[in-house]
Amino acid sequence: MAKTSEYLGEAYEALQKLSADDIKRLEYEEREKALKDYNTQMGSAERRGIKKGIHLAKQVLSLHVLGKSEQEIAAECGCTVEEVREILE
Protein backbone atom coordinates (compact mmCIF):
# COMPACT_ATOMS: atom_id res chain seq x y z
CA MET A 1 0.00 0.00 0.00
CA ALA A 2 2.89 2.36 0.78
CA LYS A 3 4.13 1.83 -2.78
CA THR A 4 0.87 3.06 -4.30
CA SER A 5 0.89 6.53 -2.72
CA GLU A 6 3.76 8.98 -2.43
CA TYR A 7 2.45 10.28 0.90
CA LEU A 8 1.96 6.84 2.39
CA GLY A 9 5.45 5.92 1.23
CA GLU A 10 6.96 8.91 2.99
CA ALA A 11 4.98 8.21 6.14
CA TYR A 12 6.03 4.57 6.03
CA GLU A 13 9.69 5.53 5.70
CA ALA A 14 9.42 7.96 8.62
CA LEU A 15 7.78 5.25 10.69
CA GLN A 16 10.55 2.80 9.80
CA LYS A 17 13.19 5.33 10.91
CA LEU A 18 11.40 6.00 14.18
CA SER A 19 10.97 2.29 14.85
CA ALA A 20 14.65 1.64 14.22
CA ASP A 21 15.73 4.21 16.81
CA ASP A 22 14.50 3.22 20.28
CA ILE A 23 15.14 6.64 21.80
CA LYS A 24 13.19 8.44 19.08
CA ARG A 25 10.38 5.92 19.33
CA LEU A 26 10.16 6.43 23.10
CA GLU A 27 10.18 10.22 22.63
CA TYR A 28 7.41 9.91 20.06
CA GLU A 29 5.33 7.70 22.35
CA GLU A 30 5.87 10.09 25.29
CA ARG A 31 4.78 13.05 23.17
CA GLU A 32 1.66 11.21 22.01
CA LYS A 33 0.83 10.34 25.62
CA ALA A 34 1.34 13.95 26.72
CA LEU A 35 -0.97 15.20 23.96
CA LYS A 36 -3.67 12.69 24.89
CA ASP A 37 -3.36 13.59 28.59
CA TYR A 38 -3.59 17.31 27.77
CA ASN A 39 -6.69 16.82 25.63
CA THR A 40 -8.33 14.75 28.35
CA GLN A 41 -7.58 17.37 31.00
CA MET A 42 -8.86 20.21 28.83
CA GLY A 43 -12.08 18.33 28.09
CA SER A 44 -12.59 17.64 31.77
CA ALA A 45 -11.95 21.28 32.71
CA GLU A 46 -14.41 22.43 30.06
CA ARG A 47 -17.12 20.09 31.37
CA ARG A 48 -16.54 21.32 34.95
CA GLY A 49 -16.70 24.94 33.79
CA ILE A 50 -19.95 24.40 31.95
CA LYS A 51 -21.46 22.67 34.96
CA LYS A 52 -20.37 25.51 37.26
CA GLY A 53 -21.75 28.12 34.84
CA ILE A 54 -25.11 26.39 34.64
CA HIS A 55 -25.30 26.19 38.43
CA LEU A 56 -24.47 29.91 38.76
CA ALA A 57 -27.03 30.85 36.12
CA LYS A 58 -29.74 28.88 37.93
CA GLN A 59 -28.88 30.62 41.21
CA VAL A 60 -28.91 34.07 39.60
CA LEU A 61 -32.20 33.48 37.83
CA SER A 62 -33.93 32.09 40.91
CA LEU A 63 -32.82 35.07 43.02
CA HIS A 64 -33.87 37.45 40.25
CA VAL A 65 -37.35 35.91 40.20
CA LEU A 66 -37.53 36.55 43.96
CA GLY A 67 -36.99 40.24 43.27
CA LYS A 68 -33.41 40.55 44.54
CA SER A 69 -31.27 43.39 43.18
CA GLU A 70 -28.22 42.73 41.01
CA GLN A 71 -25.97 43.69 43.92
CA GLU A 72 -27.73 41.30 46.31
CA ILE A 73 -27.57 38.49 43.77
CA ALA A 74 -23.86 39.08 43.18
CA ALA A 75 -23.16 39.03 46.92
CA GLU A 76 -25.14 35.82 47.50
CA CYS A 77 -23.68 34.03 44.48
CA GLY A 78 -20.10 35.15 44.99
CA CYS A 79 -19.79 36.78 41.58
CA THR A 80 -19.61 40.28 40.17
CA VAL A 81 -22.53 42.53 39.25
CA GLU A 82 -21.28 42.40 35.65
CA GLU A 83 -21.56 38.61 35.65
CA VAL A 84 -25.08 38.86 37.03
CA ARG A 85 -26.03 41.33 34.29
CA GLU A 86 -24.52 39.07 31.65
CA ILE A 87 -26.57 36.11 32.85
CA LEU A 88 -29.77 38.16 33.00
CA GLU A 89 -29.37 39.45 29.42
PDB file of N, CA and C in Angstrom:
ATOM      1  N   MET A   1       0.824  -1.188   0.000  1.00  0.00           N
ATOM      2  CA  MET A   1       0.000   0.000   0.000  1.00  0.00           C
ATOM      3  C   MET A   1       0.872   1.256   0.000  1.00  0.00           C
ATOM      4  N   ALA A   2       1.993   1.221   0.732  1.00  0.00           N
ATOM      5  CA  ALA A   2       2.895   2.361   0.777  1.00  0.00           C
ATOM      6  C   ALA A   2       3.481   2.656  -0.595  1.00  0.00           C
ATOM      7  N   LYS A   3       3.573   1.645  -1.436  1.00  0.00           N
ATOM      8  CA  LYS A   3       4.134   1.834  -2.781  1.00  0.00           C
ATOM      9  C   LYS A   3       3.158   2.539  -3.723  1.00  0.00           C
ATOM     10  N   THR A   4       1.876   2.498  -3.397  1.00  0.00           N
ATOM     11  CA  THR A   4       0.874   3.064  -4.303  1.00  0.00           C
ATOM     12  C   THR A   4       0.678   4.567  -4.117  1.00  0.00           C
ATOM     13  N   SER A   5       1.078   5.107  -2.995  1.00  0.00           N
ATOM     14  CA  SER A   5       0.891   6.528  -2.719  1.00  0.00           C
ATOM     15  C   SER A   5       2.200   7.142  -2.243  1.00  0.00           C
ATOM     16  N   GLU A   6       2.536   8.288  -2.809  1.00  0.00           N
ATOM     17  CA  GLU A   6       3.764   8.982  -2.432  1.00  0.00           C
ATOM     18  C   GLU A   6       3.736   9.366  -0.946  1.00  0.00           C
ATOM     19  N   TYR A   7       2.573   9.843  -0.483  1.00  0.00           N
ATOM     20  CA  TYR A   7       2.450  10.279   0.904  1.00  0.00           C
ATOM     21  C   TYR A   7       2.528   9.104   1.876  1.00  0.00           C
ATOM     22  N   LEU A   8       1.883   8.023   1.530  1.00  0.00           N
ATOM     23  CA  LEU A   8       1.961   6.841   2.388  1.00  0.00           C
ATOM     24  C   LEU A   8       3.384   6.296   2.408  1.00  0.00           C
ATOM     25  N   GLY A   9       4.060   6.367   1.296  1.00  0.00           N
ATOM     26  CA  GLY A   9       5.451   5.918   1.234  1.00  0.00           C
ATOM     27  C   GLY A   9       6.343   6.731   2.142  1.00  0.00           C
ATOM     28  N   GLU A  10       6.167   8.046   2.118  1.00  0.00           N
ATOM     29  CA  GLU A  10       6.958   8.914   2.989  1.00  0.00           C
ATOM     30  C   GLU A  10       6.646   8.648   4.458  1.00  0.00           C
ATOM     31  N   ALA A  11       5.383   8.486   4.765  1.00  0.00           N
ATOM     32  CA  ALA A  11       4.985   8.208   6.137  1.00  0.00           C
ATOM     33  C   ALA A  11       5.540   6.863   6.595  1.00  0.00           C
ATOM     34  N   TYR A  12       5.508   5.897   5.704  1.00  0.00           N
ATOM     35  CA  TYR A  12       6.030   4.569   6.029  1.00  0.00           C
ATOM     36  C   TYR A  12       7.532   4.644   6.311  1.00  0.00           C
ATOM     37  N   GLU A  13       8.252   5.381   5.494  1.00  0.00           N
ATOM     38  CA  GLU A  13       9.693   5.526   5.704  1.00  0.00           C
ATOM     39  C   GLU A  13       9.988   6.222   7.025  1.00  0.00           C
ATOM     40  N   ALA A  14       9.228   7.259   7.348  1.00  0.00           N
ATOM     41  CA  ALA A  14       9.418   7.957   8.618  1.00  0.00           C
ATOM     42  C   ALA A  14       9.145   7.016   9.788  1.00  0.00           C
ATOM     43  N   LEU A  15       8.113   6.217   9.646  1.00  0.00           N
ATOM     44  CA  LEU A  15       7.785   5.249  10.689  1.00  0.00           C
ATOM     45  C   LEU A  15       8.888   4.218  10.849  1.00  0.00           C
ATOM     46  N   GLN A  16       9.439   3.770   9.755  1.00  0.00           N
ATOM     47  CA  GLN A  16      10.546   2.801   9.800  1.00  0.00           C
ATOM     48  C   GLN A  16      11.746   3.403  10.541  1.00  0.00           C
ATOM     49  N   LYS A  17      12.058   4.673  10.249  1.00  0.00           N
ATOM     50  CA  LYS A  17      13.187   5.328  10.911  1.00  0.00           C
ATOM     51  C   LYS A  17      12.940   5.459  12.404  1.00  0.00           C
ATOM     52  N   LEU A  18      11.727   5.862  12.758  1.00  0.00           N
ATOM     53  CA  LEU A  18      11.403   5.995  14.176  1.00  0.00           C
ATOM     54  C   LEU A  18      11.460   4.653  14.890  1.00  0.00           C
ATOM     55  N   SER A  19      10.981   3.623  14.242  1.00  0.00           N
ATOM     56  CA  SER A  19      10.969   2.295  14.854  1.00  0.00           C
ATOM     57  C   SER A  19      12.379   1.764  15.035  1.00  0.00           C
ATOM     58  N   ALA A  20      13.278   2.139  14.158  1.00  0.00           N
ATOM     59  CA  ALA A  20      14.652   1.643  14.224  1.00  0.00           C
ATOM     60  C   ALA A  20      15.414   2.287  15.370  1.00  0.00           C
ATOM     61  N   ASP A  21      15.030   3.480  15.758  1.00  0.00           N
ATOM     62  CA  ASP A  21      15.730   4.205  16.807  1.00  0.00           C
ATOM     63  C   ASP A  21      14.871   4.188  18.077  1.00  0.00           C
ATOM     64  N   ASP A  22      15.289   3.378  19.064  1.00  0.00           N
ATOM     65  CA  ASP A  22      14.501   3.218  20.281  1.00  0.00           C
ATOM     66  C   ASP A  22      14.267   4.533  21.019  1.00  0.00           C
ATOM     67  N   ILE A  23      15.273   5.369  21.074  1.00  0.00           N
ATOM     68  CA  ILE A  23      15.135   6.637  21.795  1.00  0.00           C
ATOM     69  C   ILE A  23      14.093   7.522  21.115  1.00  0.00           C
ATOM     70  N   LYS A  24      14.168   7.630  19.797  1.00  0.00           N
ATOM     71  CA  LYS A  24      13.186   8.445  19.077  1.00  0.00           C
ATOM     72  C   LYS A  24      11.792   7.862  19.206  1.00  0.00           C
ATOM     73  N   ARG A  25      11.688   6.556  19.184  1.00  0.00           N
ATOM     74  CA  ARG A  25      10.379   5.916  19.327  1.00  0.00           C
ATOM     75  C   ARG A  25       9.801   6.218  20.704  1.00  0.00           C
ATOM     76  N   LEU A  26      10.635   6.130  21.746  1.00  0.00           N
ATOM     77  CA  LEU A  26      10.161   6.431  23.099  1.00  0.00           C
ATOM     78  C   LEU A  26       9.761   7.902  23.225  1.00  0.00           C
ATOM     79  N   GLU A  27      10.532   8.798  22.605  1.00  0.00           N
ATOM     80  CA  GLU A  27      10.183  10.221  22.627  1.00  0.00           C
ATOM     81  C   GLU A  27       8.849  10.455  21.925  1.00  0.00           C
ATOM     82  N   TYR A  28       8.663   9.783  20.811  1.00  0.00           N
ATOM     83  CA  TYR A  28       7.413   9.914  20.065  1.00  0.00           C
ATOM     84  C   TYR A  28       6.237   9.414  20.907  1.00  0.00           C
ATOM     85  N   GLU A  29       6.394   8.265  21.533  1.00  0.00           N
ATOM     86  CA  GLU A  29       5.325   7.703  22.350  1.00  0.00           C
ATOM     87  C   GLU A  29       5.014   8.604  23.542  1.00  0.00           C
ATOM     88  N   GLU A  30       6.055   9.179  24.154  1.00  0.00           N
ATOM     89  CA  GLU A  30       5.866  10.086  25.291  1.00  0.00           C
ATOM     90  C   GLU A  30       5.117  11.346  24.858  1.00  0.00           C
ATOM     91  N   ARG A  31       5.466  11.860  23.695  1.00  0.00           N
ATOM     92  CA  ARG A  31       4.780  13.050  23.172  1.00  0.00           C
ATOM     93  C   ARG A  31       3.315  12.739  22.884  1.00  0.00           C
ATOM     94  N   GLU A  32       3.045  11.600  22.281  1.00  0.00           N
ATOM     95  CA  GLU A  32       1.660  11.212  22.010  1.00  0.00           C
ATOM     96  C   GLU A  32       0.870  11.078  23.310  1.00  0.00           C
ATOM     97  N   LYS A  33       1.490  10.486  24.322  1.00  0.00           N
ATOM     98  CA  LYS A  33       0.826  10.336  25.619  1.00  0.00           C
ATOM     99  C   LYS A  33       0.542  11.704  26.231  1.00  0.00           C
ATOM    100  N   ALA A  34       1.517  12.604  26.167  1.00  0.00           N
ATOM    101  CA  ALA A  34       1.341  13.945  26.722  1.00  0.00           C
ATOM    102  C   ALA A  34       0.200  14.681  26.021  1.00  0.00           C
ATOM    103  N   LEU A  35       0.109  14.548  24.706  1.00  0.00           N
ATOM    104  CA  LEU A  35      -0.971  15.196  23.964  1.00  0.00           C
ATOM    105  C   LEU A  35      -2.336  14.620  24.343  1.00  0.00           C
ATOM    106  N   LYS A  36      -2.407  13.319  24.494  1.00  0.00           N
ATOM    107  CA  LYS A  36      -3.672  12.689  24.890  1.00  0.00           C
ATOM    108  C   LYS A  36      -4.068  13.118  26.299  1.00  0.00           C
ATOM    109  N   ASP A  37      -3.089  13.155  27.217  1.00  0.00           N
ATOM    110  CA  ASP A  37      -3.359  13.592  28.590  1.00  0.00           C
ATOM    111  C   ASP A  37      -3.859  15.035  28.608  1.00  0.00           C
ATOM    112  N   TYR A  38      -3.202  15.904  27.839  1.00  0.00           N
ATOM    113  CA  TYR A  38      -3.590  17.308  27.775  1.00  0.00           C
ATOM    114  C   TYR A  38      -5.023  17.442  27.264  1.00  0.00           C
ATOM    115  N   ASN A  39      -5.338  16.746  26.197  1.00  0.00           N
ATOM    116  CA  ASN A  39      -6.686  16.823  25.629  1.00  0.00           C
ATOM    117  C   ASN A  39      -7.738  16.321  26.607  1.00  0.00           C
ATOM    118  N   THR A  40      -7.415  15.273  27.344  1.00  0.00           N
ATOM    119  CA  THR A  40      -8.331  14.748  28.346  1.00  0.00           C
ATOM    120  C   THR A  40      -8.549  15.761  29.460  1.00  0.00           C
ATOM    121  N   GLN A  41      -7.467  16.376  29.932  1.00  0.00           N
ATOM    122  CA  GLN A  41      -7.575  17.368  31.004  1.00  0.00           C
ATOM    123  C   GLN A  41      -8.363  18.595  30.557  1.00  0.00           C
ATOM    124  N   MET A  42      -8.138  19.042  29.338  1.00  0.00           N
ATOM    125  CA  MET A  42      -8.861  20.206  28.825  1.00  0.00           C
ATOM    126  C   MET A  42     -10.355  19.902  28.684  1.00  0.00           C
ATOM    127  N   GLY A  43     -10.674  18.721  28.212  1.00  0.00           N
ATOM    128  CA  GLY A  43     -12.082  18.333  28.089  1.00  0.00           C
ATOM    129  C   GLY A  43     -12.761  18.270  29.438  1.00  0.00           C
ATOM    130  N   SER A  44     -12.052  17.730  30.419  1.00  0.00           N
ATOM    131  CA  SER A  44     -12.591  17.636  31.767  1.00  0.00           C
ATOM    132  C   SER A  44     -12.803  19.021  32.366  1.00  0.00           C
ATOM    133  N   ALA A  45     -11.837  19.911  32.190  1.00  0.00           N
ATOM    134  CA  ALA A  45     -11.951  21.277  32.708  1.00  0.00           C
ATOM    135  C   ALA A  45     -13.124  22.000  32.052  1.00  0.00           C
ATOM    136  N   GLU A  46     -13.300  21.792  30.763  1.00  0.00           N
ATOM    137  CA  GLU A  46     -14.410  22.431  30.057  1.00  0.00           C
ATOM    138  C   GLU A  46     -15.749  21.939  30.608  1.00  0.00           C
ATOM    139  N   ARG A  47     -15.868  20.639  30.827  1.00  0.00           N
ATOM    140  CA  ARG A  47     -17.121  20.091  31.368  1.00  0.00           C
ATOM    141  C   ARG A  47     -17.406  20.650  32.761  1.00  0.00           C
ATOM    142  N   ARG A  48     -16.358  20.753  33.609  1.00  0.00           N
ATOM    143  CA  ARG A  48     -16.544  21.319  34.948  1.00  0.00           C
ATOM    144  C   ARG A  48     -16.961  22.783  34.866  1.00  0.00           C
ATOM    145  N   GLY A  49     -16.353  23.533  33.955  1.00  0.00           N
ATOM    146  CA  GLY A  49     -16.698  24.941  33.790  1.00  0.00           C
ATOM    147  C   GLY A  49     -18.127  25.138  33.347  1.00  0.00           C
ATOM    148  N   ILE A  50     -18.566  24.320  32.424  1.00  0.00           N
ATOM    149  CA  ILE A  50     -19.946  24.405  31.949  1.00  0.00           C
ATOM    150  C   ILE A  50     -20.912  24.090  33.080  1.00  0.00           C
ATOM    151  N   LYS A  51     -20.604  23.058  33.839  1.00  0.00           N
ATOM    152  CA  LYS A  51     -21.461  22.668  34.956  1.00  0.00           C
ATOM    153  C   LYS A  51     -21.542  23.794  35.984  1.00  0.00           C
ATOM    154  N   LYS A  52     -20.403  24.408  36.292  1.00  0.00           N
ATOM    155  CA  LYS A  52     -20.368  25.507  37.256  1.00  0.00           C
ATOM    156  C   LYS A  52     -21.160  26.702  36.733  1.00  0.00           C
ATOM    157  N   GLY A  53     -21.018  27.003  35.443  1.00  0.00           N
ATOM    158  CA  GLY A  53     -21.748  28.116  34.842  1.00  0.00           C
ATOM    159  C   GLY A  53     -23.244  27.911  34.868  1.00  0.00           C
ATOM    160  N   ILE A  54     -23.679  26.702  34.601  1.00  0.00           N
ATOM    161  CA  ILE A  54     -25.115  26.388  34.636  1.00  0.00           C
ATOM    162  C   ILE A  54     -25.650  26.549  36.054  1.00  0.00           C
ATOM    163  N   HIS A  55     -24.888  26.071  37.024  1.00  0.00           N
ATOM    164  CA  HIS A  55     -25.302  26.189  38.429  1.00  0.00           C
ATOM    165  C   HIS A  55     -25.427  27.664  38.820  1.00  0.00           C
ATOM    166  N   LEU A  56     -24.440  28.479  38.447  1.00  0.00           N
ATOM    167  CA  LEU A  56     -24.472  29.906  38.765  1.00  0.00           C
ATOM    168  C   LEU A  56     -25.663  30.582  38.093  1.00  0.00           C
ATOM    169  N   ALA A  57     -25.908  30.249  36.840  1.00  0.00           N
ATOM    170  CA  ALA A  57     -27.032  30.849  36.118  1.00  0.00           C
ATOM    171  C   ALA A  57     -28.364  30.506  36.786  1.00  0.00           C
ATOM    172  N   LYS A  58     -28.503  29.278  37.241  1.00  0.00           N
ATOM    173  CA  LYS A  58     -29.738  28.883  37.926  1.00  0.00           C
ATOM    174  C   LYS A  58     -29.907  29.677  39.214  1.00  0.00           C
ATOM    175  N   GLN A  59     -28.819  29.849  39.966  1.00  0.00           N
ATOM    176  CA  GLN A  59     -28.876  30.620  41.208  1.00  0.00           C
ATOM    177  C   GLN A  59     -29.288  32.065  40.924  1.00  0.00           C
ATOM    178  N   VAL A  60     -28.623  32.673  39.947  1.00  0.00           N
ATOM    179  CA  VAL A  60     -28.906  34.071  39.602  1.00  0.00           C
ATOM    180  C   VAL A  60     -30.358  34.231  39.183  1.00  0.00           C
ATOM    181  N   LEU A  61     -30.831  33.364  38.310  1.00  0.00           N
ATOM    182  CA  LEU A  61     -32.203  33.479  37.826  1.00  0.00           C
ATOM    183  C   LEU A  61     -33.224  33.267  38.934  1.00  0.00           C
ATOM    184  N   SER A  62     -32.964  32.328  39.829  1.00  0.00           N
ATOM    185  CA  SER A  62     -33.927  32.089  40.912  1.00  0.00           C
ATOM    186  C   SER A  62     -33.972  33.274  41.871  1.00  0.00           C
ATOM    187  N   LEU A  63     -32.836  33.899  42.151  1.00  0.00           N
ATOM    188  CA  LEU A  63     -32.822  35.072  43.018  1.00  0.00           C
ATOM    189  C   LEU A  63     -33.454  36.279  42.319  1.00  0.00           C
ATOM    190  N   HIS A  64     -33.265  36.370  41.021  1.00  0.00           N
ATOM    191  CA  HIS A  64     -33.872  37.454  40.250  1.00  0.00           C
ATOM    192  C   HIS A  64     -35.395  37.349  40.281  1.00  0.00           C
ATOM    193  N   VAL A  65     -35.898  36.133  40.160  1.00  0.00           N
ATOM    194  CA  VAL A  65     -37.346  35.906  40.201  1.00  0.00           C
ATOM    195  C   VAL A  65     -37.900  36.321  41.568  1.00  0.00           C
ATOM    196  N   LEU A  66     -37.094  36.158  42.616  1.00  0.00           N
ATOM    197  CA  LEU A  66     -37.533  36.546  43.961  1.00  0.00           C
ATOM    198  C   LEU A  66     -37.480  38.055  44.172  1.00  0.00           C
ATOM    199  N   GLY A  67     -36.996  38.789  43.177  1.00  0.00           N
ATOM    200  CA  GLY A  67     -36.986  40.240  43.272  1.00  0.00           C
ATOM    201  C   GLY A  67     -35.718  40.836  43.870  1.00  0.00           C
ATOM    202  N   LYS A  68     -34.670  40.039  43.994  1.00  0.00           N
ATOM    203  CA  LYS A  68     -33.411  40.551  44.542  1.00  0.00           C
ATOM    204  C   LYS A  68     -32.747  41.490  43.539  1.00  0.00           C
ATOM    205  N   SER A  69     -32.001  42.468  44.054  1.00  0.00           N
ATOM    206  CA  SER A  69     -31.266  43.393  43.185  1.00  0.00           C
ATOM    207  C   SER A  69     -30.015  42.699  42.635  1.00  0.00           C
ATOM    208  N   GLU A  70     -29.441  43.299  41.606  1.00  0.00           N
ATOM    209  CA  GLU A  70     -28.222  42.731  41.011  1.00  0.00           C
ATOM    210  C   GLU A  70     -27.095  42.657  42.033  1.00  0.00           C
ATOM    211  N   GLN A  71     -27.002  43.674  42.900  1.00  0.00           N
ATOM    212  CA  GLN A  71     -25.965  43.691  43.925  1.00  0.00           C
ATOM    213  C   GLN A  71     -26.171  42.583  44.954  1.00  0.00           C
ATOM    214  N   GLU A  72     -27.419  42.372  45.353  1.00  0.00           N
ATOM    215  CA  GLU A  72     -27.729  41.304  46.308  1.00  0.00           C
ATOM    216  C   GLU A  72     -27.439  39.932  45.699  1.00  0.00           C
ATOM    217  N   ILE A  73     -27.816  39.766  44.453  1.00  0.00           N
ATOM    218  CA  ILE A  73     -27.572  38.489  43.767  1.00  0.00           C
ATOM    219  C   ILE A  73     -26.077  38.219  43.683  1.00  0.00           C
ATOM    220  N   ALA A  74     -25.307  39.242  43.296  1.00  0.00           N
ATOM    221  CA  ALA A  74     -23.857  39.080  43.183  1.00  0.00           C
ATOM    222  C   ALA A  74     -23.254  38.688  44.526  1.00  0.00           C
ATOM    223  N   ALA A  75     -23.692  39.329  45.590  1.00  0.00           N
ATOM    224  CA  ALA A  75     -23.160  39.028  46.922  1.00  0.00           C
ATOM    225  C   ALA A  75     -23.493  37.598  47.342  1.00  0.00           C
ATOM    226  N   GLU A  76     -24.724  37.174  47.100  1.00  0.00           N
ATOM    227  CA  GLU A  76     -25.137  35.825  47.497  1.00  0.00           C
ATOM    228  C   GLU A  76     -24.483  34.734  46.658  1.00  0.00           C
ATOM    229  N   CYS A  77     -24.237  35.040  45.387  1.00  0.00           N
ATOM    230  CA  CYS A  77     -23.682  34.028  44.478  1.00  0.00           C
ATOM    231  C   CYS A  77     -22.153  34.049  44.425  1.00  0.00           C
ATOM    232  N   GLY A  78     -21.550  35.068  45.011  1.00  0.00           N
ATOM    233  CA  GLY A  78     -20.096  35.147  44.985  1.00  0.00           C
ATOM    234  C   GLY A  78     -19.544  35.495  43.607  1.00  0.00           C
ATOM    235  N   CYS A  79     -20.257  36.349  42.888  1.00  0.00           N
ATOM    236  CA  CYS A  79     -19.790  36.779  41.576  1.00  0.00           C
ATOM    237  C   CYS A  79     -19.910  38.290  41.477  1.00  0.00           C
ATOM    238  N   THR A  80     -19.556  38.838  40.345  1.00  0.00           N
ATOM    239  CA  THR A  80     -19.613  40.284  40.171  1.00  0.00           C
ATOM    240  C   THR A  80     -20.981  40.700  39.629  1.00  0.00           C
ATOM    241  N   VAL A  81     -21.276  41.982  39.790  1.00  0.00           N
ATOM    242  CA  VAL A  81     -22.527  42.526  39.253  1.00  0.00           C
ATOM    243  C   VAL A  81     -22.540  42.391  37.732  1.00  0.00           C
ATOM    244  N   GLU A  82     -21.373  42.547  37.105  1.00  0.00           N
ATOM    245  CA  GLU A  82     -21.282  42.402  35.646  1.00  0.00           C
ATOM    246  C   GLU A  82     -21.651  40.987  35.210  1.00  0.00           C
ATOM    247  N   GLU A  83     -21.197  39.993  35.970  1.00  0.00           N
ATOM    248  CA  GLU A  83     -21.557  38.610  35.649  1.00  0.00           C
ATOM    249  C   GLU A  83     -23.055  38.383  35.789  1.00  0.00           C
ATOM    250  N   VAL A  84     -23.641  38.982  36.829  1.00  0.00           N
ATOM    251  CA  VAL A  84     -25.085  38.861  37.027  1.00  0.00           C
ATOM    252  C   VAL A  84     -25.818  39.473  35.840  1.00  0.00           C
ATOM    253  N   ARG A  85     -25.393  40.662  35.436  1.00  0.00           N
ATOM    254  CA  ARG A  85     -26.034  41.326  34.285  1.00  0.00           C
ATOM    255  C   ARG A  85     -25.908  40.491  33.012  1.00  0.00           C
ATOM    256  N   GLU A  86     -24.737  39.901  32.828  1.00  0.00           N
ATOM    257  CA  GLU A  86     -24.518  39.068  31.647  1.00  0.00           C
ATOM    258  C   GLU A  86     -25.462  37.867  31.625  1.00  0.00           C
ATOM    259  N   ILE A  87     -25.664  37.271  32.765  1.00  0.00           N
ATOM    260  CA  ILE A  87     -26.566  36.105  32.850  1.00  0.00           C
ATOM    261  C   ILE A  87     -28.010  36.530  32.608  1.00  0.00           C
ATOM    262  N   LEU A  88     -28.376  37.703  33.115  1.00  0.00           N
ATOM    263  CA  LEU A  88     -29.767  38.159  32.997  1.00  0.00           C
ATOM    264  C   LEU A  88     -30.103  38.685  31.604  1.00  0.00           C
ATOM    265  N   GLU A  89     -29.097  38.942  30.772  1.00  0.00           N
ATOM    266  CA  GLU A  89     -29.367  39.446  29.415  1.00  0.00           C
ATOM    267  C   GLU A  89     -30.011  38.442  28.530  1.00  0.00           C
TER     268      GLU A  89
END
